[in-house]
Amino acid sequence: MRTLQRMLHCDGRATRRLFARNVAMLGLGKAAIDLQVLHLRPDLADGWSWPMSWLNPFTLIDPWLNGEVATLVCLTTFAFFAALAWNAVHRARDAGWSHWIGMLAAVPFLFVPVILIIGWLPPRKHSVWDLV
Protein backbone atom coordinates (compact mmCIF):
# COMPACT_ATOMS: atom_id res chain seq x y z
CA MET A 1 0.00 0.00 0.00
CA ARG A 2 2.80 2.40 0.79
CA THR A 3 4.36 1.83 -2.65
CA LEU A 4 1.09 2.78 -4.33
CA GLN A 5 0.84 5.92 -2.20
CA ARG A 6 4.40 6.87 -3.13
CA MET A 7 3.66 6.31 -6.83
CA LEU A 8 0.51 8.43 -6.74
CA HIS A 9 1.98 11.15 -4.52
CA CYS A 10 2.09 14.48 -6.22
CA ASP A 11 4.01 17.44 -4.88
CA GLY A 12 3.78 19.26 -8.21
CA ARG A 13 7.21 18.23 -9.42
CA ALA A 14 8.61 15.27 -11.33
CA THR A 15 12.29 14.43 -11.38
CA ARG A 16 13.97 13.10 -14.51
CA ARG A 17 13.86 9.55 -13.20
CA LEU A 18 10.22 9.74 -12.14
CA PHE A 19 9.25 11.32 -15.46
CA ALA A 20 11.07 8.66 -17.48
CA ARG A 21 9.49 5.89 -15.42
CA ASN A 22 6.00 7.33 -15.79
CA VAL A 23 6.33 7.85 -19.55
CA ALA A 24 7.67 4.31 -20.00
CA MET A 25 4.88 2.80 -17.91
CA LEU A 26 2.22 4.81 -19.76
CA GLY A 27 3.59 3.72 -23.13
CA LEU A 28 3.86 0.07 -22.14
CA GLY A 29 0.38 0.06 -20.65
CA LYS A 30 -1.21 1.62 -23.72
CA ALA A 31 0.72 -0.68 -26.07
CA ALA A 32 -0.34 -3.75 -24.06
CA ILE A 33 -4.00 -2.78 -24.21
CA ASP A 34 -3.86 -1.89 -27.92
CA LEU A 35 -2.09 -5.12 -28.84
CA GLN A 36 -4.52 -7.17 -26.77
CA VAL A 37 -7.47 -5.55 -28.54
CA LEU A 38 -5.81 -6.17 -31.92
CA HIS A 39 -5.22 -9.80 -30.94
CA LEU A 40 -8.80 -10.35 -29.82
CA ARG A 41 -10.35 -8.49 -32.75
CA PRO A 42 -8.03 -8.76 -35.80
CA ASP A 43 -10.78 -7.37 -38.03
CA LEU A 44 -10.33 -3.97 -36.35
CA ALA A 45 -6.85 -3.56 -37.82
CA ASP A 46 -8.29 -3.04 -41.31
CA GLY A 47 -9.97 0.28 -40.58
CA TRP A 48 -7.21 2.22 -38.84
CA SER A 49 -3.47 2.55 -38.54
CA TRP A 50 -2.17 1.60 -35.11
CA PRO A 51 1.17 3.47 -35.39
CA MET A 52 -0.56 6.58 -36.71
CA SER A 53 -2.94 6.59 -33.73
CA TRP A 54 0.08 6.98 -31.45
CA LEU A 55 1.32 10.04 -33.32
CA ASN A 56 -2.08 11.61 -34.00
CA PRO A 57 -4.95 10.43 -31.80
CA PHE A 58 -7.45 12.36 -33.94
CA THR A 59 -7.11 9.67 -36.62
CA LEU A 60 -9.17 7.42 -34.33
CA ILE A 61 -12.31 9.58 -34.45
CA ASP A 62 -13.76 8.51 -37.81
CA PRO A 63 -12.98 4.79 -37.41
CA TRP A 64 -14.43 4.87 -33.90
CA LEU A 65 -17.65 6.51 -35.11
CA ASN A 66 -17.89 3.90 -37.87
CA GLY A 67 -17.40 1.10 -35.33
CA GLU A 68 -14.04 0.02 -36.74
CA VAL A 69 -12.10 0.84 -33.55
CA ALA A 70 -12.92 -0.41 -30.08
CA THR A 71 -13.98 2.16 -27.51
CA LEU A 72 -11.31 0.82 -25.17
CA VAL A 73 -8.57 1.88 -27.61
CA CYS A 74 -9.99 5.40 -27.78
CA LEU A 75 -10.31 5.66 -24.00
CA THR A 76 -6.77 4.45 -23.38
CA THR A 77 -5.47 6.90 -25.99
CA PHE A 78 -7.22 9.75 -24.22
CA ALA A 79 -5.92 8.58 -20.83
CA PHE A 80 -2.41 8.20 -22.25
CA PHE A 81 -2.26 11.75 -23.61
CA ALA A 82 -3.87 13.24 -20.49
CA ALA A 83 -1.39 11.49 -18.18
CA LEU A 84 1.48 12.39 -20.49
CA ALA A 85 0.56 16.08 -20.36
CA TRP A 86 0.12 15.91 -16.59
CA ASN A 87 3.59 14.42 -16.13
CA ALA A 88 5.16 16.86 -18.60
CA VAL A 89 3.69 19.83 -16.75
CA HIS A 90 5.19 18.59 -13.50
CA ARG A 91 8.54 17.90 -15.15
CA ALA A 92 8.60 21.40 -16.67
CA ARG A 93 7.84 22.85 -13.24
CA ASP A 94 10.72 20.87 -11.71
CA ALA A 95 13.07 22.19 -14.41
CA GLY A 96 11.98 25.77 -13.77
CA TRP A 97 10.22 26.20 -17.10
CA SER A 98 6.69 27.44 -17.66
CA HIS A 99 3.88 24.97 -17.03
CA TRP A 100 2.50 25.68 -20.48
CA ILE A 101 5.55 24.07 -22.06
CA GLY A 102 4.39 20.80 -20.54
CA MET A 103 1.01 21.15 -22.25
CA LEU A 104 2.78 20.78 -25.59
CA ALA A 105 3.01 17.08 -24.72
CA ALA A 106 -0.66 16.79 -25.69
CA VAL A 107 -0.12 18.18 -29.22
CA PRO A 108 -0.07 15.48 -31.91
CA PHE A 109 3.28 14.92 -33.68
CA LEU A 110 4.93 17.48 -31.35
CA PHE A 111 4.79 15.45 -28.16
CA VAL A 112 7.76 13.21 -29.01
CA PRO A 113 10.38 16.01 -29.20
CA VAL A 114 8.77 17.77 -26.25
CA ILE A 115 8.99 14.63 -24.12
CA LEU A 116 12.63 14.12 -25.07
CA ILE A 117 13.56 17.74 -24.35
CA ILE A 118 11.68 17.95 -21.07
CA GLY A 119 13.06 14.59 -19.99
CA TRP A 120 16.66 15.77 -20.35
CA LEU A 121 16.27 19.16 -18.66
CA PRO A 122 18.30 19.55 -15.49
CA PRO A 123 16.36 20.30 -12.33
CA ARG A 124 16.15 23.92 -11.27
CA LYS A 125 18.51 24.93 -8.52
CA HIS A 126 16.60 25.77 -5.37
CA SER A 127 17.68 28.57 -3.10
CA VAL A 128 16.68 29.98 0.25
CA TRP A 129 14.48 32.53 -1.51
CA ASP A 130 12.20 29.77 -2.79
CA LEU A 131 10.88 29.38 0.75
CA VAL A 132 9.81 33.02 0.97
C-alpha atoms as a PDB file:
ATOM      1  CA  MET A   1       0.000   0.000   0.000  1.00  0.00           C
ATOM      2  CA  ARG A   2       2.804   2.395   0.795  1.00  0.00           C
ATOM      3  CA  THR A   3       4.356   1.826  -2.646  1.00  0.00           C
ATOM      4  CA  LEU A   4       1.089   2.782  -4.330  1.00  0.00           C
ATOM      5  CA  GLN A   5       0.838   5.923  -2.198  1.00  0.00           C
ATOM      6  CA  ARG A   6       4.399   6.872  -3.134  1.00  0.00           C
ATOM      7  CA  MET A   7       3.664   6.307  -6.831  1.00  0.00           C
ATOM      8  CA  LEU A   8       0.510   8.429  -6.739  1.00  0.00           C
ATOM      9  CA  HIS A   9       1.979  11.147  -4.520  1.00  0.00           C
ATOM     10  CA  CYS A  10       2.092  14.482  -6.220  1.00  0.00           C
ATOM     11  CA  ASP A  11       4.009  17.435  -4.879  1.00  0.00           C
ATOM     12  CA  GLY A  12       3.784  19.255  -8.208  1.00  0.00           C
ATOM     13  CA  ARG A  13       7.212  18.229  -9.415  1.00  0.00           C
ATOM     14  CA  ALA A  14       8.612  15.271 -11.330  1.00  0.00           C
ATOM     15  CA  THR A  15      12.289  14.435 -11.375  1.00  0.00           C
ATOM     16  CA  ARG A  16      13.968  13.099 -14.513  1.00  0.00           C
ATOM     17  CA  ARG A  17      13.864   9.547 -13.204  1.00  0.00           C
ATOM     18  CA  LEU A  18      10.221   9.744 -12.137  1.00  0.00           C
ATOM     19  CA  PHE A  19       9.249  11.320 -15.456  1.00  0.00           C
ATOM     20  CA  ALA A  20      11.072   8.655 -17.484  1.00  0.00           C
ATOM     21  CA  ARG A  21       9.492   5.890 -15.416  1.00  0.00           C
ATOM     22  CA  ASN A  22       5.998   7.332 -15.794  1.00  0.00           C
ATOM     23  CA  VAL A  23       6.327   7.846 -19.554  1.00  0.00           C
ATOM     24  CA  ALA A  24       7.670   4.311 -20.004  1.00  0.00           C
ATOM     25  CA  MET A  25       4.876   2.797 -17.905  1.00  0.00           C
ATOM     26  CA  LEU A  26       2.221   4.806 -19.757  1.00  0.00           C
ATOM     27  CA  GLY A  27       3.594   3.720 -23.129  1.00  0.00           C
ATOM     28  CA  LEU A  28       3.861   0.069 -22.145  1.00  0.00           C
ATOM     29  CA  GLY A  29       0.379   0.058 -20.648  1.00  0.00           C
ATOM     30  CA  LYS A  30      -1.214   1.622 -23.719  1.00  0.00           C
ATOM     31  CA  ALA A  31       0.717  -0.683 -26.065  1.00  0.00           C
ATOM     32  CA  ALA A  32      -0.336  -3.749 -24.059  1.00  0.00           C
ATOM     33  CA  ILE A  33      -4.001  -2.780 -24.215  1.00  0.00           C
ATOM     34  CA  ASP A  34      -3.860  -1.889 -27.919  1.00  0.00           C
ATOM     35  CA  LEU A  35      -2.086  -5.120 -28.838  1.00  0.00           C
ATOM     36  CA  GLN A  36      -4.519  -7.173 -26.772  1.00  0.00           C
ATOM     37  CA  VAL A  37      -7.470  -5.549 -28.542  1.00  0.00           C
ATOM     38  CA  LEU A  38      -5.813  -6.167 -31.924  1.00  0.00           C
ATOM     39  CA  HIS A  39      -5.220  -9.799 -30.941  1.00  0.00           C
ATOM     40  CA  LEU A  40      -8.804 -10.350 -29.821  1.00  0.00           C
ATOM     41  CA  ARG A  41     -10.346  -8.488 -32.751  1.00  0.00           C
ATOM     42  CA  PRO A  42      -8.026  -8.759 -35.797  1.00  0.00           C
ATOM     43  CA  ASP A  43     -10.780  -7.370 -38.026  1.00  0.00           C
ATOM     44  CA  LEU A  44     -10.327  -3.971 -36.346  1.00  0.00           C
ATOM     45  CA  ALA A  45      -6.846  -3.563 -37.823  1.00  0.00           C
ATOM     46  CA  ASP A  46      -8.288  -3.037 -41.310  1.00  0.00           C
ATOM     47  CA  GLY A  47      -9.974   0.282 -40.580  1.00  0.00           C
ATOM     48  CA  TRP A  48      -7.215   2.225 -38.845  1.00  0.00           C
ATOM     49  CA  SER A  49      -3.465   2.554 -38.537  1.00  0.00           C
ATOM     50  CA  TRP A  50      -2.174   1.596 -35.107  1.00  0.00           C
ATOM     51  CA  PRO A  51       1.175   3.466 -35.391  1.00  0.00           C
ATOM     52  CA  MET A  52      -0.559   6.585 -36.706  1.00  0.00           C
ATOM     53  CA  SER A  53      -2.939   6.587 -33.729  1.00  0.00           C
ATOM     54  CA  TRP A  54       0.077   6.983 -31.445  1.00  0.00           C
ATOM     55  CA  LEU A  55       1.316  10.044 -33.323  1.00  0.00           C
ATOM     56  CA  ASN A  56      -2.076  11.611 -34.000  1.00  0.00           C
ATOM     57  CA  PRO A  57      -4.953  10.435 -31.800  1.00  0.00           C
ATOM     58  CA  PHE A  58      -7.454  12.357 -33.938  1.00  0.00           C
ATOM     59  CA  THR A  59      -7.115   9.674 -36.623  1.00  0.00           C
ATOM     60  CA  LEU A  60      -9.172   7.420 -34.331  1.00  0.00           C
ATOM     61  CA  ILE A  61     -12.310   9.577 -34.447  1.00  0.00           C
ATOM     62  CA  ASP A  62     -13.765   8.508 -37.814  1.00  0.00           C
ATOM     63  CA  PRO A  63     -12.984   4.787 -37.413  1.00  0.00           C
ATOM     64  CA  TRP A  64     -14.434   4.870 -33.895  1.00  0.00           C
ATOM     65  CA  LEU A  65     -17.650   6.514 -35.113  1.00  0.00           C
ATOM     66  CA  ASN A  66     -17.892   3.899 -37.865  1.00  0.00           C
ATOM     67  CA  GLY A  67     -17.404   1.099 -35.327  1.00  0.00           C
ATOM     68  CA  GLU A  68     -14.040   0.021 -36.736  1.00  0.00           C
ATOM     69  CA  VAL A  69     -12.100   0.839 -33.548  1.00  0.00           C
ATOM     70  CA  ALA A  70     -12.917  -0.413 -30.081  1.00  0.00           C
ATOM     71  CA  THR A  71     -13.977   2.159 -27.512  1.00  0.00           C
ATOM     72  CA  LEU A  72     -11.305   0.819 -25.174  1.00  0.00           C
ATOM     73  CA  VAL A  73      -8.567   1.880 -27.607  1.00  0.00           C
ATOM     74  CA  CYS A  74      -9.992   5.401 -27.776  1.00  0.00           C
ATOM     75  CA  LEU A  75     -10.314   5.663 -24.004  1.00  0.00           C
ATOM     76  CA  THR A  76      -6.769   4.449 -23.385  1.00  0.00           C
ATOM     77  CA  THR A  77      -5.470   6.896 -25.987  1.00  0.00           C
ATOM     78  CA  PHE A  78      -7.218   9.747 -24.216  1.00  0.00           C
ATOM     79  CA  ALA A  79      -5.922   8.580 -20.826  1.00  0.00           C
ATOM     80  CA  PHE A  80      -2.406   8.200 -22.253  1.00  0.00           C
ATOM     81  CA  PHE A  81      -2.257  11.750 -23.609  1.00  0.00           C
ATOM     82  CA  ALA A  82      -3.875  13.242 -20.490  1.00  0.00           C
ATOM     83  CA  ALA A  83      -1.395  11.493 -18.179  1.00  0.00           C
ATOM     84  CA  LEU A  84       1.479  12.387 -20.486  1.00  0.00           C
ATOM     85  CA  ALA A  85       0.557  16.079 -20.365  1.00  0.00           C
ATOM     86  CA  TRP A  86       0.122  15.910 -16.586  1.00  0.00           C
ATOM     87  CA  ASN A  87       3.586  14.422 -16.132  1.00  0.00           C
ATOM     88  CA  ALA A  88       5.162  16.856 -18.604  1.00  0.00           C
ATOM     89  CA  VAL A  89       3.689  19.833 -16.747  1.00  0.00           C
ATOM     90  CA  HIS A  90       5.192  18.594 -13.496  1.00  0.00           C
ATOM     91  CA  ARG A  91       8.542  17.904 -15.147  1.00  0.00           C
ATOM     92  CA  ALA A  92       8.601  21.399 -16.673  1.00  0.00           C
ATOM     93  CA  ARG A  93       7.845  22.849 -13.238  1.00  0.00           C
ATOM     94  CA  ASP A  94      10.719  20.868 -11.713  1.00  0.00           C
ATOM     95  CA  ALA A  95      13.068  22.191 -14.407  1.00  0.00           C
ATOM     96  CA  GLY A  96      11.982  25.772 -13.770  1.00  0.00           C
ATOM     97  CA  TRP A  97      10.221  26.203 -17.101  1.00  0.00           C
ATOM     98  CA  SER A  98       6.689  27.437 -17.664  1.00  0.00           C
ATOM     99  CA  HIS A  99       3.882  24.968 -17.026  1.00  0.00           C
ATOM    100  CA  TRP A 100       2.498  25.682 -20.483  1.00  0.00           C
ATOM    101  CA  ILE A 101       5.554  24.071 -22.063  1.00  0.00           C
ATOM    102  CA  GLY A 102       4.391  20.797 -20.540  1.00  0.00           C
ATOM    103  CA  MET A 103       1.012  21.155 -22.250  1.00  0.00           C
ATOM    104  CA  LEU A 104       2.780  20.777 -25.594  1.00  0.00           C
ATOM    105  CA  ALA A 105       3.005  17.082 -24.721  1.00  0.00           C
ATOM    106  CA  ALA A 106      -0.661  16.789 -25.694  1.00  0.00           C
ATOM    107  CA  VAL A 107      -0.125  18.181 -29.220  1.00  0.00           C
ATOM    108  CA  PRO A 108      -0.067  15.480 -31.910  1.00  0.00           C
ATOM    109  CA  PHE A 109       3.280  14.924 -33.678  1.00  0.00           C
ATOM    110  CA  LEU A 110       4.931  17.479 -31.349  1.00  0.00           C
ATOM    111  CA  PHE A 111       4.795  15.447 -28.161  1.00  0.00           C
ATOM    112  CA  VAL A 112       7.762  13.209 -29.012  1.00  0.00           C
ATOM    113  CA  PRO A 113      10.381  16.006 -29.201  1.00  0.00           C
ATOM    114  CA  VAL A 114       8.766  17.775 -26.245  1.00  0.00           C
ATOM    115  CA  ILE A 115       8.986  14.633 -24.120  1.00  0.00           C
ATOM    116  CA  LEU A 116      12.632  14.116 -25.074  1.00  0.00           C
ATOM    117  CA  ILE A 117      13.565  17.736 -24.351  1.00  0.00           C
ATOM    118  CA  ILE A 118      11.676  17.947 -21.071  1.00  0.00           C
ATOM    119  CA  GLY A 119      13.059  14.589 -19.994  1.00  0.00           C
ATOM    120  CA  TRP A 120      16.657  15.772 -20.353  1.00  0.00           C
ATOM    121  CA  LEU A 121      16.269  19.164 -18.659  1.00  0.00           C
ATOM    122  CA  PRO A 122      18.299  19.545 -15.493  1.00  0.00           C
ATOM    123  CA  PRO A 123      16.358  20.302 -12.326  1.00  0.00           C
ATOM    124  CA  ARG A 124      16.149  23.917 -11.271  1.00  0.00           C
ATOM    125  CA  LYS A 125      18.507  24.932  -8.524  1.00  0.00           C
ATOM    126  CA  HIS A 126      16.601  25.770  -5.366  1.00  0.00           C
ATOM    127  CA  SER A 127      17.678  28.575  -3.104  1.00  0.00           C
ATOM    128  CA  VAL A 128      16.682  29.983   0.251  1.00  0.00           C
ATOM    129  CA  TRP A 129      14.476  32.529  -1.507  1.00  0.00           C
ATOM    130  CA  ASP A 130      12.199  29.769  -2.788  1.00  0.00           C
ATOM    131  CA  LEU A 131      10.883  29.380   0.745  1.00  0.00           C
ATOM    132  CA  VAL A 132       9.807  33.021   0.969  1.00  0.00           C
END
